Amino acid sequence: MNGDLLIERVRDILQDKESATVLGEFYHDLEIVLSLNAAQDFIVNFCVRTQFHYYLNGLIKTTAYLTSPATLPSDYLHGISAISGAEISLHPARLYIGGLGYTYMGVDHNSCIILNNQLYFLEGGVHSGGKLIYYKKPSYIGATSLGLDVAADFNDKDFYDFIYNDIFVQNACVLLGLKEPQTQREYKKIKKVMKELLTQPIKDDLFYDGTTSNKDDADAA
């Protein structure tokens, strides 16, 4: 993901721009990139845990037909569902993730089991093949100034623009704000924001589609 515009947005919010009265910039591009990626990983993991699936649609992938056992895709993040059986007659399969999958290695129904780095597709308790539908790891947010534009996923965009601009950027600004010299009052304010983000980083009024949020409707009523 090309994060050049996101870096500029972060600098605008933090007022970290060189001017006639301000010489140089306080934050290095690498610091901002690291904060953007930390914010992205945090939100993605939160969405997976709390089933905010709508915001992860850009991360959904399906493997080609694989013969059991097979190695998990290198970009695998979390399983969604699976189909198994002969390639010409695939059927929905129950998906088991983690050590408990050993319990189901001999079951009679179609199943897909993920153990360590391996995929097992079973049909009637016998190894077969199938396809895995999964969430991939989000594209790394890089910057041309850091020479990271050679990455294969540099131009990939996994989320809607408002998620990058209003969620990842805002969280990155909070992380970066902890480095900035500040008064005790400012530190307490940032600490409070961080605490809210750690417990509930996504709120209804942060996600919008051009309409008024439910919170605003309730306030208006």
N, C-alpha and C. Protein backbone atom coordinates (compact mmCIF):
# COMPACT_ATOMS: atom_id res chain seq x y z
N MET A 1 0.85 -1.20 0.00
CA MET A 1 0.00 0.00 0.00
C MET A 1 0.88 1.25 0.00
N ASN A 2 0.65 2.14 -0.93
CA ASN A 2 1.39 3.40 -1.01
C ASN A 2 0.85 4.35 0.06
N GLY A 3 1.65 4.60 1.08
CA GLY A 3 1.19 5.42 2.20
C GLY A 3 1.62 6.87 2.14
N ASP A 4 2.10 7.34 0.98
CA ASP A 4 2.58 8.72 0.88
C ASP A 4 1.52 9.73 1.31
N LEU A 5 0.29 9.56 0.83
CA LEU A 5 -0.78 10.51 1.17
C LEU A 5 -1.18 10.38 2.64
N LEU A 6 -1.10 9.17 3.18
CA LEU A 6 -1.43 8.97 4.59
C LEU A 6 -0.41 9.67 5.48
N ILE A 7 0.86 9.62 5.08
CA ILE A 7 1.91 10.30 5.84
C ILE A 7 1.66 11.80 5.85
N GLU A 8 1.26 12.35 4.71
CA GLU A 8 0.96 13.77 4.64
C GLU A 8 -0.23 14.12 5.52
N ARG A 9 -1.22 13.23 5.56
CA ARG A 9 -2.40 13.48 6.40
C ARG A 9 -2.02 13.47 7.88
N VAL A 10 -1.16 12.53 8.25
CA VAL A 10 -0.69 12.48 9.64
C VAL A 10 0.04 13.78 10.00
N ARG A 11 0.90 14.24 9.11
CA ARG A 11 1.65 15.47 9.39
C ARG A 11 0.71 16.68 9.48
N ASP A 12 -0.32 16.70 8.66
CA ASP A 12 -1.29 17.80 8.72
C ASP A 12 -1.99 17.83 10.08
N ILE A 13 -2.42 16.64 10.55
CA ILE A 13 -3.14 16.56 11.82
C ILE A 13 -2.23 16.95 12.98
N LEU A 14 -0.98 16.51 12.94
CA LEU A 14 -0.04 16.79 14.03
C LEU A 14 0.68 18.13 13.84
N GLN A 15 0.34 18.84 12.76
CA GLN A 15 0.96 20.14 12.44
C GLN A 15 2.48 20.01 12.41
N ASP A 16 2.93 18.95 11.75
CA ASP A 16 4.37 18.67 11.66
C ASP A 16 4.85 19.00 10.25
N LYS A 17 4.79 20.28 9.91
CA LYS A 17 5.18 20.74 8.58
C LYS A 17 6.22 21.84 8.70
N GLU A 18 7.21 21.79 7.83
CA GLU A 18 8.23 22.84 7.81
C GLU A 18 7.62 24.13 7.26
N SER A 19 7.97 25.23 7.89
CA SER A 19 7.44 26.53 7.47
C SER A 19 8.48 27.60 7.71
N ALA A 20 8.06 28.87 7.53
CA ALA A 20 8.99 29.98 7.72
C ALA A 20 9.44 30.08 9.18
N THR A 21 8.60 29.59 10.08
CA THR A 21 8.93 29.67 11.52
C THR A 21 9.33 28.33 12.12
N VAL A 22 9.09 27.24 11.40
CA VAL A 22 9.42 25.90 11.89
C VAL A 22 10.41 25.25 10.93
N LEU A 23 11.59 24.96 11.42
CA LEU A 23 12.63 24.36 10.58
C LEU A 23 12.63 22.85 10.77
N GLY A 24 12.47 22.12 9.70
CA GLY A 24 12.49 20.66 9.77
C GLY A 24 11.20 20.06 10.27
N GLU A 25 11.18 18.73 10.38
CA GLU A 25 10.00 18.01 10.83
C GLU A 25 10.36 17.20 12.07
N PHE A 26 9.40 17.04 12.97
CA PHE A 26 9.63 16.34 14.23
C PHE A 26 9.66 14.82 14.03
N TYR A 27 8.77 14.32 13.16
CA TYR A 27 8.66 12.88 12.94
C TYR A 27 9.34 12.47 11.64
N HIS A 28 10.05 11.36 11.69
CA HIS A 28 10.65 10.79 10.49
C HIS A 28 9.58 9.96 9.77
N ASP A 29 9.68 9.88 8.43
CA ASP A 29 8.70 9.10 7.67
C ASP A 29 8.60 7.66 8.18
N LEU A 30 9.73 7.08 8.58
CA LEU A 30 9.72 5.70 9.06
C LEU A 30 8.90 5.56 10.33
N GLU A 31 8.98 6.55 11.22
CA GLU A 31 8.18 6.52 12.45
C GLU A 31 6.69 6.51 12.12
N ILE A 32 6.32 7.33 11.14
CA ILE A 32 4.90 7.40 10.76
C ILE A 32 4.46 6.11 10.11
N VAL A 33 5.31 5.53 9.25
CA VAL A 33 4.98 4.27 8.59
C VAL A 33 4.79 3.16 9.62
N LEU A 34 5.70 3.09 10.59
CA LEU A 34 5.59 2.07 11.64
C LEU A 34 4.29 2.23 12.43
N SER A 35 3.90 3.47 12.72
CA SER A 35 2.67 3.73 13.47
C SER A 35 1.44 3.38 12.65
N LEU A 36 1.47 3.68 11.35
CA LEU A 36 0.34 3.34 10.47
C LEU A 36 0.15 1.83 10.40
N ASN A 37 1.25 1.09 10.28
CA ASN A 37 1.14 -0.37 10.20
C ASN A 37 0.70 -0.97 11.53
N ALA A 38 1.17 -0.38 12.64
CA ALA A 38 0.73 -0.86 13.95
C ALA A 38 -0.77 -0.63 14.13
N ALA A 39 -1.26 0.54 13.69
CA ALA A 39 -2.68 0.84 13.77
C ALA A 39 -3.48 -0.11 12.89
N GLN A 40 -2.98 -0.38 11.69
CA GLN A 40 -3.67 -1.29 10.76
C GLN A 40 -3.78 -2.70 11.36
N ASP A 41 -2.69 -3.22 11.90
CA ASP A 41 -2.71 -4.56 12.47
C ASP A 41 -3.66 -4.64 13.66
N PHE A 42 -3.66 -3.61 14.47
CA PHE A 42 -4.51 -3.58 15.65
C PHE A 42 -5.99 -3.62 15.26
N ILE A 43 -6.37 -2.79 14.28
CA ILE A 43 -7.77 -2.73 13.85
C ILE A 43 -8.19 -4.02 13.17
N VAL A 44 -7.32 -4.60 12.32
CA VAL A 44 -7.64 -5.85 11.63
C VAL A 44 -7.88 -6.97 12.64
N ASN A 45 -6.99 -7.09 13.62
CA ASN A 45 -7.15 -8.13 14.63
C ASN A 45 -8.41 -7.92 15.45
N PHE A 46 -8.72 -6.67 15.74
CA PHE A 46 -9.95 -6.36 16.48
C PHE A 46 -11.17 -6.77 15.66
N CYS A 47 -11.17 -6.47 14.36
CA CYS A 47 -12.31 -6.80 13.50
C CYS A 47 -12.49 -8.31 13.39
N VAL A 48 -11.39 -9.06 13.32
CA VAL A 48 -11.47 -10.52 13.26
C VAL A 48 -12.09 -11.06 14.54
N ARG A 49 -11.64 -10.55 15.69
CA ARG A 49 -12.13 -11.05 16.98
C ARG A 49 -13.59 -10.72 17.20
N THR A 50 -14.02 -9.53 16.78
CA THR A 50 -15.37 -9.07 17.07
C THR A 50 -16.31 -9.23 15.89
N GLN A 51 -15.83 -9.84 14.81
CA GLN A 51 -16.64 -10.17 13.63
C GLN A 51 -17.20 -8.94 12.92
N PHE A 52 -16.38 -7.88 12.83
CA PHE A 52 -16.71 -6.75 11.97
C PHE A 52 -16.30 -7.13 10.54
N HIS A 53 -16.97 -8.14 9.98
CA HIS A 53 -16.54 -8.71 8.72
C HIS A 53 -16.64 -7.74 7.55
N TYR A 54 -17.60 -6.84 7.61
CA TYR A 54 -17.81 -5.91 6.50
C TYR A 54 -16.56 -5.12 6.17
N TYR A 55 -15.81 -4.75 7.19
CA TYR A 55 -14.63 -3.92 6.99
C TYR A 55 -13.42 -4.71 6.50
N LEU A 56 -13.55 -6.04 6.47
CA LEU A 56 -12.43 -6.89 6.04
C LEU A 56 -12.67 -7.52 4.68
N ASN A 57 -13.70 -7.06 3.96
CA ASN A 57 -14.02 -7.67 2.67
C ASN A 57 -12.84 -7.66 1.70
N GLY A 58 -12.01 -6.63 1.77
CA GLY A 58 -10.88 -6.53 0.86
C GLY A 58 -9.76 -7.51 1.16
N LEU A 59 -9.87 -8.22 2.28
CA LEU A 59 -8.83 -9.18 2.67
C LEU A 59 -9.21 -10.61 2.34
N ILE A 60 -10.42 -10.85 1.80
CA ILE A 60 -10.88 -12.21 1.55
C ILE A 60 -10.23 -12.80 0.29
N LYS A 61 -9.70 -14.01 0.43
CA LYS A 61 -9.09 -14.72 -0.69
C LYS A 61 -9.53 -16.19 -0.66
N THR A 62 -9.43 -16.84 -1.82
CA THR A 62 -9.72 -18.27 -1.93
C THR A 62 -8.54 -18.96 -2.59
N THR A 63 -8.11 -20.07 -2.04
CA THR A 63 -6.99 -20.80 -2.62
C THR A 63 -7.42 -21.52 -3.89
N ALA A 64 -6.46 -21.95 -4.67
CA ALA A 64 -6.74 -22.88 -5.76
C ALA A 64 -7.08 -24.23 -5.13
N TYR A 65 -7.49 -25.20 -5.94
CA TYR A 65 -7.77 -26.54 -5.40
C TYR A 65 -6.47 -27.15 -4.90
N LEU A 66 -6.48 -27.58 -3.64
CA LEU A 66 -5.28 -28.13 -3.00
C LEU A 66 -5.52 -29.58 -2.60
N THR A 67 -4.51 -30.40 -2.73
CA THR A 67 -4.59 -31.79 -2.30
C THR A 67 -4.04 -31.93 -0.89
N SER A 68 -4.76 -32.61 -0.04
CA SER A 68 -4.38 -32.78 1.36
C SER A 68 -3.24 -33.80 1.51
N PRO A 69 -2.25 -33.49 2.40
CA PRO A 69 -2.08 -32.24 3.15
C PRO A 69 -1.39 -31.18 2.29
N ALA A 70 -1.64 -29.92 2.60
CA ALA A 70 -1.05 -28.82 1.84
C ALA A 70 -0.56 -27.76 2.82
N THR A 71 0.38 -26.95 2.36
CA THR A 71 0.91 -25.87 3.19
C THR A 71 0.00 -24.65 3.11
N LEU A 72 -0.23 -24.02 4.24
CA LEU A 72 -1.05 -22.80 4.26
C LEU A 72 -0.44 -21.72 3.37
N PRO A 73 -1.26 -20.88 2.73
CA PRO A 73 -0.72 -19.76 1.95
C PRO A 73 0.14 -18.86 2.84
N SER A 74 1.18 -18.28 2.27
CA SER A 74 2.11 -17.45 3.06
C SER A 74 1.43 -16.19 3.61
N ASP A 75 0.34 -15.75 2.95
CA ASP A 75 -0.34 -14.54 3.41
C ASP A 75 -1.56 -14.85 4.27
N TYR A 76 -1.69 -16.09 4.73
CA TYR A 76 -2.85 -16.49 5.54
C TYR A 76 -2.87 -15.75 6.87
N LEU A 77 -4.06 -15.25 7.24
CA LEU A 77 -4.24 -14.59 8.53
C LEU A 77 -5.25 -15.34 9.40
N HIS A 78 -6.43 -15.65 8.82
CA HIS A 78 -7.47 -16.32 9.60
C HIS A 78 -8.44 -17.03 8.66
N GLY A 79 -8.86 -18.23 9.04
CA GLY A 79 -9.78 -18.99 8.20
C GLY A 79 -11.21 -18.50 8.27
N ILE A 80 -11.93 -18.60 7.16
CA ILE A 80 -13.34 -18.20 7.11
C ILE A 80 -14.22 -19.43 6.91
N SER A 81 -14.00 -20.16 5.81
CA SER A 81 -14.77 -21.37 5.52
C SER A 81 -13.99 -22.21 4.52
N ALA A 82 -14.54 -23.37 4.15
CA ALA A 82 -13.82 -24.26 3.23
C ALA A 82 -14.80 -25.16 2.51
N ILE A 83 -14.36 -25.71 1.38
CA ILE A 83 -15.09 -26.74 0.64
C ILE A 83 -14.10 -27.86 0.36
N SER A 84 -14.58 -29.09 0.40
CA SER A 84 -13.66 -30.21 0.21
C SER A 84 -14.34 -31.31 -0.60
N GLY A 85 -13.52 -32.29 -1.04
CA GLY A 85 -14.00 -33.39 -1.84
C GLY A 85 -13.24 -33.47 -3.15
N ALA A 86 -13.77 -34.21 -4.11
CA ALA A 86 -13.17 -34.26 -5.43
C ALA A 86 -13.32 -32.91 -6.10
N GLU A 87 -12.38 -32.55 -6.98
CA GLU A 87 -12.38 -31.21 -7.57
C GLU A 87 -13.66 -30.92 -8.36
N ILE A 88 -14.28 -31.95 -8.93
CA ILE A 88 -15.49 -31.74 -9.74
C ILE A 88 -16.76 -31.80 -8.89
N SER A 89 -16.64 -32.14 -7.63
CA SER A 89 -17.83 -32.23 -6.77
C SER A 89 -17.50 -31.80 -5.35
N LEU A 90 -17.22 -30.52 -5.20
CA LEU A 90 -16.85 -29.98 -3.89
C LEU A 90 -18.09 -29.73 -3.04
N HIS A 91 -17.94 -29.94 -1.74
CA HIS A 91 -19.05 -29.74 -0.81
C HIS A 91 -18.59 -28.89 0.37
N PRO A 92 -19.52 -28.18 1.00
CA PRO A 92 -19.14 -27.39 2.19
C PRO A 92 -18.46 -28.28 3.22
N ALA A 93 -17.44 -27.75 3.85
CA ALA A 93 -16.68 -28.51 4.84
C ALA A 93 -16.63 -27.76 6.16
N ARG A 94 -16.69 -28.49 7.24
CA ARG A 94 -16.53 -27.87 8.55
C ARG A 94 -15.06 -27.50 8.74
N LEU A 95 -14.85 -26.31 9.27
CA LEU A 95 -13.48 -25.80 9.42
C LEU A 95 -13.06 -25.87 10.89
N TYR A 96 -11.93 -26.52 11.14
CA TYR A 96 -11.39 -26.62 12.48
C TYR A 96 -10.00 -25.99 12.49
N ILE A 97 -9.76 -25.13 13.47
CA ILE A 97 -8.48 -24.43 13.55
C ILE A 97 -7.82 -24.71 14.89
N GLY A 98 -6.53 -25.03 14.84
CA GLY A 98 -5.77 -25.19 16.07
C GLY A 98 -5.65 -26.63 16.52
N GLY A 99 -5.09 -26.81 17.72
CA GLY A 99 -4.78 -28.13 18.24
C GLY A 99 -5.98 -29.05 18.35
N LEU A 100 -7.20 -28.49 18.58
CA LEU A 100 -8.38 -29.32 18.71
C LEU A 100 -8.70 -30.06 17.42
N GLY A 101 -8.09 -29.60 16.31
CA GLY A 101 -8.34 -30.25 15.03
C GLY A 101 -7.96 -31.72 15.03
N TYR A 102 -7.01 -32.10 15.88
CA TYR A 102 -6.60 -33.51 15.95
C TYR A 102 -7.79 -34.41 16.30
N THR A 103 -8.72 -33.88 17.08
CA THR A 103 -9.88 -34.65 17.50
C THR A 103 -10.75 -35.04 16.31
N TYR A 104 -10.69 -34.26 15.25
CA TYR A 104 -11.62 -34.45 14.14
C TYR A 104 -10.96 -35.06 12.89
N MET A 105 -9.76 -35.59 13.03
CA MET A 105 -9.06 -36.14 11.88
C MET A 105 -9.77 -37.36 11.29
N GLY A 106 -10.58 -38.04 12.08
CA GLY A 106 -11.23 -39.24 11.58
C GLY A 106 -12.73 -39.12 11.42
N VAL A 107 -13.26 -37.91 11.39
CA VAL A 107 -14.71 -37.74 11.29
C VAL A 107 -15.21 -38.11 9.90
N ASP A 108 -16.51 -38.45 9.81
CA ASP A 108 -17.07 -38.90 8.53
C ASP A 108 -17.52 -37.76 7.64
N HIS A 109 -17.78 -36.58 8.20
CA HIS A 109 -18.26 -35.49 7.37
C HIS A 109 -17.10 -34.76 6.68
N ASN A 110 -17.41 -33.97 5.68
CA ASN A 110 -16.38 -33.18 5.00
C ASN A 110 -15.81 -32.16 5.97
N SER A 111 -14.50 -32.06 6.00
CA SER A 111 -13.89 -31.14 6.95
C SER A 111 -12.57 -30.59 6.40
N CYS A 112 -12.22 -29.43 6.91
CA CYS A 112 -10.93 -28.82 6.62
C CYS A 112 -10.30 -28.49 7.97
N ILE A 113 -9.10 -28.99 8.18
CA ILE A 113 -8.44 -28.83 9.47
C ILE A 113 -7.12 -28.08 9.28
N ILE A 114 -6.92 -27.04 10.08
CA ILE A 114 -5.69 -26.26 10.02
C ILE A 114 -4.88 -26.56 11.28
N LEU A 115 -3.74 -27.20 11.09
CA LEU A 115 -2.85 -27.53 12.20
C LEU A 115 -1.47 -26.99 11.89
N ASN A 116 -0.99 -26.11 12.78
CA ASN A 116 0.30 -25.46 12.57
C ASN A 116 0.30 -24.77 11.22
N ASN A 117 1.13 -25.20 10.28
CA ASN A 117 1.21 -24.55 8.97
C ASN A 117 0.63 -25.42 7.86
N GLN A 118 -0.17 -26.44 8.26
CA GLN A 118 -0.67 -27.41 7.29
C GLN A 118 -2.19 -27.39 7.18
N LEU A 119 -2.67 -27.70 5.97
CA LEU A 119 -4.10 -27.82 5.68
C LEU A 119 -4.42 -29.28 5.41
N TYR A 120 -5.49 -29.78 6.04
CA TYR A 120 -5.93 -31.15 5.78
C TYR A 120 -7.39 -31.12 5.32
N PHE A 121 -7.65 -31.60 4.12
CA PHE A 121 -9.02 -31.72 3.62
C PHE A 121 -9.43 -33.17 3.72
N LEU A 122 -10.56 -33.43 4.39
CA LEU A 122 -11.02 -34.79 4.60
C LEU A 122 -12.44 -34.97 4.09
N GLU A 123 -12.69 -36.14 3.52
CA GLU A 123 -14.03 -36.50 3.06
C GLU A 123 -14.29 -37.93 3.55
N GLY A 124 -15.24 -38.04 4.47
CA GLY A 124 -15.50 -39.34 5.06
C GLY A 124 -14.33 -39.89 5.83
N GLY A 125 -13.54 -39.00 6.43
CA GLY A 125 -12.40 -39.42 7.21
C GLY A 125 -11.17 -39.77 6.38
N VAL A 126 -11.25 -39.58 5.06
CA VAL A 126 -10.14 -39.91 4.17
C VAL A 126 -9.60 -38.64 3.55
N HIS A 127 -8.27 -38.52 3.43
CA HIS A 127 -7.67 -37.34 2.82
C HIS A 127 -8.19 -37.14 1.40
N SER A 128 -8.54 -35.91 1.08
CA SER A 128 -9.00 -35.59 -0.28
C SER A 128 -8.36 -34.27 -0.70
N GLY A 129 -9.15 -33.32 -1.11
CA GLY A 129 -8.65 -32.00 -1.50
C GLY A 129 -9.73 -30.97 -1.27
N GLY A 130 -9.43 -29.73 -1.59
CA GLY A 130 -10.44 -28.71 -1.42
C GLY A 130 -9.89 -27.31 -1.57
N LYS A 131 -10.70 -26.34 -1.19
CA LYS A 131 -10.32 -24.93 -1.26
C LYS A 131 -10.60 -24.28 0.09
N LEU A 132 -9.74 -23.37 0.47
CA LEU A 132 -9.89 -22.63 1.73
C LEU A 132 -10.21 -21.17 1.42
N ILE A 133 -11.24 -20.65 2.05
CA ILE A 133 -11.55 -19.21 1.98
C ILE A 133 -11.04 -18.60 3.27
N TYR A 134 -10.24 -17.53 3.15
CA TYR A 134 -9.55 -17.01 4.33
C TYR A 134 -9.31 -15.51 4.22
N TYR A 135 -8.96 -14.90 5.35
CA TYR A 135 -8.50 -13.51 5.37
C TYR A 135 -6.99 -13.51 5.18
N LYS A 136 -6.52 -12.70 4.26
CA LYS A 136 -5.08 -12.57 4.08
C LYS A 136 -4.54 -11.47 4.98
N LYS A 137 -3.24 -11.46 5.17
CA LYS A 137 -2.61 -10.38 5.92
C LYS A 137 -2.74 -9.09 5.12
N PRO A 138 -3.02 -7.96 5.77
CA PRO A 138 -3.15 -6.70 5.03
C PRO A 138 -1.83 -6.28 4.40
N SER A 139 -1.93 -5.55 3.30
CA SER A 139 -0.74 -5.06 2.61
C SER A 139 0.04 -4.09 3.50
N TYR A 140 1.34 -4.22 3.48
CA TYR A 140 2.20 -3.33 4.26
C TYR A 140 2.08 -1.91 3.74
N ILE A 141 1.93 -0.96 4.64
CA ILE A 141 1.86 0.45 4.27
C ILE A 141 3.28 0.98 4.18
N GLY A 142 3.72 1.30 2.97
CA GLY A 142 5.09 1.78 2.76
C GLY A 142 5.12 3.23 2.35
N ALA A 143 6.28 3.69 1.91
CA ALA A 143 6.46 5.08 1.49
C ALA A 143 7.57 5.13 0.45
N THR A 144 7.37 5.91 -0.58
CA THR A 144 8.39 6.03 -1.62
C THR A 144 9.67 6.64 -1.07
N SER A 145 9.54 7.48 -0.06
CA SER A 145 10.72 8.13 0.51
C SER A 145 11.64 7.14 1.21
N LEU A 146 11.09 5.97 1.58
CA LEU A 146 11.88 4.96 2.28
C LEU A 146 12.38 3.87 1.34
N GLY A 147 12.07 4.00 0.04
CA GLY A 147 12.52 3.00 -0.92
C GLY A 147 11.78 1.69 -0.83
N LEU A 148 10.54 1.71 -0.28
CA LEU A 148 9.78 0.48 -0.13
C LEU A 148 8.79 0.26 -1.26
N ASP A 149 8.90 1.09 -2.32
CA ASP A 149 7.96 0.97 -3.43
C ASP A 149 8.24 -0.25 -4.29
N VAL A 150 9.28 -1.02 -3.98
CA VAL A 150 9.58 -2.22 -4.74
C VAL A 150 8.79 -3.42 -4.23
N ALA A 151 8.12 -3.27 -3.08
CA ALA A 151 7.33 -4.37 -2.54
C ALA A 151 6.22 -4.75 -3.50
N ALA A 152 5.92 -6.05 -3.57
CA ALA A 152 4.93 -6.55 -4.52
C ALA A 152 3.54 -5.97 -4.28
N ASP A 153 3.23 -5.68 -3.02
CA ASP A 153 1.89 -5.19 -2.70
C ASP A 153 1.86 -3.67 -2.46
N PHE A 154 2.85 -2.96 -2.99
CA PHE A 154 2.94 -1.53 -2.70
C PHE A 154 1.74 -0.75 -3.22
N ASN A 155 1.15 -1.17 -4.33
CA ASN A 155 0.00 -0.45 -4.89
C ASN A 155 -1.33 -1.11 -4.56
N ASP A 156 -1.31 -2.13 -3.69
CA ASP A 156 -2.55 -2.79 -3.29
C ASP A 156 -3.28 -1.97 -2.23
N LYS A 157 -4.59 -1.86 -2.38
CA LYS A 157 -5.41 -1.16 -1.39
C LYS A 157 -6.46 -2.14 -0.88
N ASP A 158 -6.39 -2.48 0.40
CA ASP A 158 -7.24 -3.53 0.96
C ASP A 158 -8.52 -3.00 1.60
N PHE A 159 -8.58 -1.70 1.89
CA PHE A 159 -9.71 -1.15 2.63
C PHE A 159 -10.29 0.07 1.90
N TYR A 160 -11.48 0.45 2.35
CA TYR A 160 -12.06 1.69 1.84
C TYR A 160 -11.20 2.87 2.27
N ASP A 161 -11.24 3.96 1.50
CA ASP A 161 -10.41 5.12 1.80
C ASP A 161 -10.68 5.67 3.20
N PHE A 162 -11.95 5.67 3.62
CA PHE A 162 -12.26 6.29 4.92
C PHE A 162 -11.64 5.48 6.07
N ILE A 163 -11.41 4.19 5.86
CA ILE A 163 -10.77 3.40 6.92
C ILE A 163 -9.31 3.80 7.04
N TYR A 164 -8.63 3.97 5.90
CA TYR A 164 -7.24 4.43 5.93
C TYR A 164 -7.16 5.83 6.53
N ASN A 165 -8.02 6.75 6.02
CA ASN A 165 -7.90 8.16 6.38
C ASN A 165 -8.42 8.49 7.76
N ASP A 166 -9.48 7.83 8.19
CA ASP A 166 -10.13 8.22 9.45
C ASP A 166 -9.84 7.28 10.61
N ILE A 167 -9.42 6.06 10.32
CA ILE A 167 -9.17 5.10 11.40
C ILE A 167 -7.68 4.87 11.58
N PHE A 168 -7.01 4.40 10.55
CA PHE A 168 -5.58 4.11 10.67
C PHE A 168 -4.79 5.38 10.97
N VAL A 169 -5.11 6.46 10.26
CA VAL A 169 -4.39 7.72 10.46
C VAL A 169 -4.61 8.26 11.86
N GLN A 170 -5.87 8.25 12.33
CA GLN A 170 -6.16 8.79 13.66
C GLN A 170 -5.45 7.99 14.75
N ASN A 171 -5.46 6.65 14.62
CA ASN A 171 -4.78 5.83 15.62
C ASN A 171 -3.27 6.03 15.58
N ALA A 172 -2.72 6.20 14.36
CA ALA A 172 -1.29 6.45 14.22
C ALA A 172 -0.92 7.78 14.89
N CYS A 173 -1.79 8.78 14.75
CA CYS A 173 -1.53 10.08 15.37
C CYS A 173 -1.49 9.97 16.89
N VAL A 174 -2.36 9.14 17.45
CA VAL A 174 -2.36 8.95 18.90
C VAL A 174 -1.05 8.30 19.34
N LEU A 175 -0.61 7.27 18.61
CA LEU A 175 0.65 6.60 18.94
C LEU A 175 1.83 7.57 18.85
N LEU A 176 1.87 8.36 17.79
CA LEU A 176 2.96 9.31 17.60
C LEU A 176 2.90 10.43 18.63
N GLY A 177 1.70 10.78 19.05
CA GLY A 177 1.54 11.87 19.99
C GLY A 177 2.19 11.59 21.33
N LEU A 178 2.39 10.31 21.66
CA LEU A 178 3.03 9.96 22.92
C LEU A 178 4.49 10.36 22.94
N LYS A 179 5.09 10.57 21.74
CA LYS A 179 6.50 10.95 21.67
C LYS A 179 6.68 12.46 21.87
N GLU A 180 5.65 13.20 21.56
CA GLU A 180 5.75 14.65 21.54
C GLU A 180 5.86 15.23 22.95
N PRO A 181 6.72 16.24 23.16
CA PRO A 181 6.76 16.91 24.46
C PRO A 181 5.39 17.50 24.78
N GLN A 182 4.91 17.29 25.99
CA GLN A 182 3.55 17.71 26.29
C GLN A 182 3.40 18.03 27.78
N THR A 183 2.36 18.77 28.07
CA THR A 183 2.06 19.08 29.47
C THR A 183 1.40 17.87 30.11
N GLN A 184 1.28 17.91 31.43
CA GLN A 184 0.63 16.81 32.14
C GLN A 184 -0.81 16.65 31.69
N ARG A 185 -1.49 17.78 31.41
CA ARG A 185 -2.88 17.72 30.96
C ARG A 185 -2.97 17.04 29.59
N GLU A 186 -2.07 17.38 28.68
CA GLU A 186 -2.07 16.76 27.36
C GLU A 186 -1.78 15.27 27.46
N TYR A 187 -0.85 14.90 28.33
CA TYR A 187 -0.51 13.48 28.49
C TYR A 187 -1.71 12.70 29.00
N LYS A 188 -2.43 13.24 29.97
CA LYS A 188 -3.60 12.55 30.51
C LYS A 188 -4.69 12.39 29.44
N LYS A 189 -4.84 13.41 28.59
CA LYS A 189 -5.84 13.33 27.53
C LYS A 189 -5.48 12.21 26.55
N ILE A 190 -4.21 12.18 26.12
CA ILE A 190 -3.77 11.15 25.17
C ILE A 190 -3.89 9.76 25.80
N LYS A 191 -3.54 9.66 27.07
CA LYS A 191 -3.65 8.37 27.78
C LYS A 191 -5.10 7.90 27.81
N LYS A 192 -6.03 8.82 28.00
CA LYS A 192 -7.45 8.47 28.02
C LYS A 192 -7.90 7.98 26.65
N VAL A 193 -7.46 8.66 25.59
CA VAL A 193 -7.81 8.24 24.23
C VAL A 193 -7.25 6.85 23.93
N MET A 194 -5.99 6.62 24.34
CA MET A 194 -5.38 5.31 24.12
C MET A 194 -6.17 4.21 24.84
N LYS A 195 -6.62 4.48 26.05
CA LYS A 195 -7.37 3.49 26.81
C LYS A 195 -8.67 3.14 26.09
N GLU A 196 -9.35 4.14 25.52
CA GLU A 196 -10.59 3.90 24.80
C GLU A 196 -10.32 3.09 23.53
N LEU A 197 -9.22 3.39 22.84
CA LEU A 197 -8.89 2.66 21.62
C LEU A 197 -8.58 1.19 21.92
N LEU A 198 -7.93 0.94 23.04
CA LEU A 198 -7.56 -0.44 23.38
C LEU A 198 -8.77 -1.28 23.74
N THR A 199 -9.81 -0.65 24.28
CA THR A 199 -10.99 -1.41 24.68
C THR A 199 -12.05 -1.44 23.59
N GLN A 200 -12.16 -0.38 22.81
CA GLN A 200 -13.17 -0.31 21.75
C GLN A 200 -12.68 0.63 20.66
N PRO A 201 -11.77 0.15 19.80
CA PRO A 201 -11.15 1.04 18.81
C PRO A 201 -12.07 1.48 17.69
N ILE A 202 -13.22 0.82 17.52
CA ILE A 202 -14.12 1.17 16.43
C ILE A 202 -15.48 1.54 17.01
N LYS A 203 -15.91 2.73 16.71
CA LYS A 203 -17.20 3.20 17.19
C LYS A 203 -18.09 3.51 15.99
N ASP A 204 -19.40 3.46 16.21
CA ASP A 204 -20.33 3.66 15.11
C ASP A 204 -20.10 4.98 14.39
N ASP A 205 -19.78 6.03 15.14
CA ASP A 205 -19.65 7.34 14.53
C ASP A 205 -18.30 7.53 13.84
N LEU A 206 -17.40 6.52 13.93
CA LEU A 206 -16.13 6.61 13.21
C LEU A 206 -16.26 6.04 11.80
N PHE A 207 -17.21 5.13 11.61
CA PHE A 207 -17.45 4.56 10.29
C PHE A 207 -18.68 5.22 9.69
N TYR A 208 -18.53 5.73 8.51
CA TYR A 208 -19.66 6.41 7.90
C TYR A 208 -19.67 6.16 6.40
N ASP A 209 -20.82 6.30 5.80
CA ASP A 209 -20.94 6.09 4.36
C ASP A 209 -21.62 7.28 3.69
N GLY A 210 -21.44 8.45 4.30
CA GLY A 210 -22.06 9.65 3.76
C GLY A 210 -23.38 9.97 4.41
N THR A 211 -23.91 9.07 5.25
CA THR A 211 -25.17 9.31 5.95
C THR A 211 -24.88 9.60 7.41
N THR A 212 -25.92 10.03 8.12
CA THR A 212 -25.76 10.34 9.54
C THR A 212 -25.69 9.05 10.32
N SER A 213 -24.76 8.95 11.28
CA SER A 213 -24.62 7.75 12.09
C SER A 213 -25.81 7.59 13.01
N ASN A 214 -25.99 6.38 13.54
CA ASN A 214 -27.08 6.11 14.48
C ASN A 214 -26.98 6.99 15.71
N LYS A 215 -25.75 7.24 16.13
CA LYS A 215 -25.52 8.08 17.31
C LYS A 215 -26.05 9.49 17.06
N ASP A 216 -25.75 10.02 15.86
CA ASP A 216 -26.21 11.37 15.55
C ASP A 216 -27.72 11.42 15.45
N ASP A 217 -28.34 10.35 14.90
CA ASP A 217 -29.79 10.32 14.79
C ASP A 217 -30.43 10.35 16.17
N ALA A 218 -29.81 9.60 17.10
CA ALA A 218 -30.36 9.55 18.47
C ALA A 218 -30.24 10.92 19.13
N ASP A 219 -29.10 11.58 18.90
CA ASP A 219 -28.90 12.91 19.48
C ASP A 219 -29.91 13.90 18.92
N ALA A 220 -30.16 13.79 17.60
CA ALA A 220 -31.07 14.72 16.96
C ALA A 220 -32.49 14.53 17.46
N ALA A 221 -32.85 13.25 17.74
CA ALA A 221 -34.18 12.97 18.23
C ALA A 221 -34.39 13.53 19.64
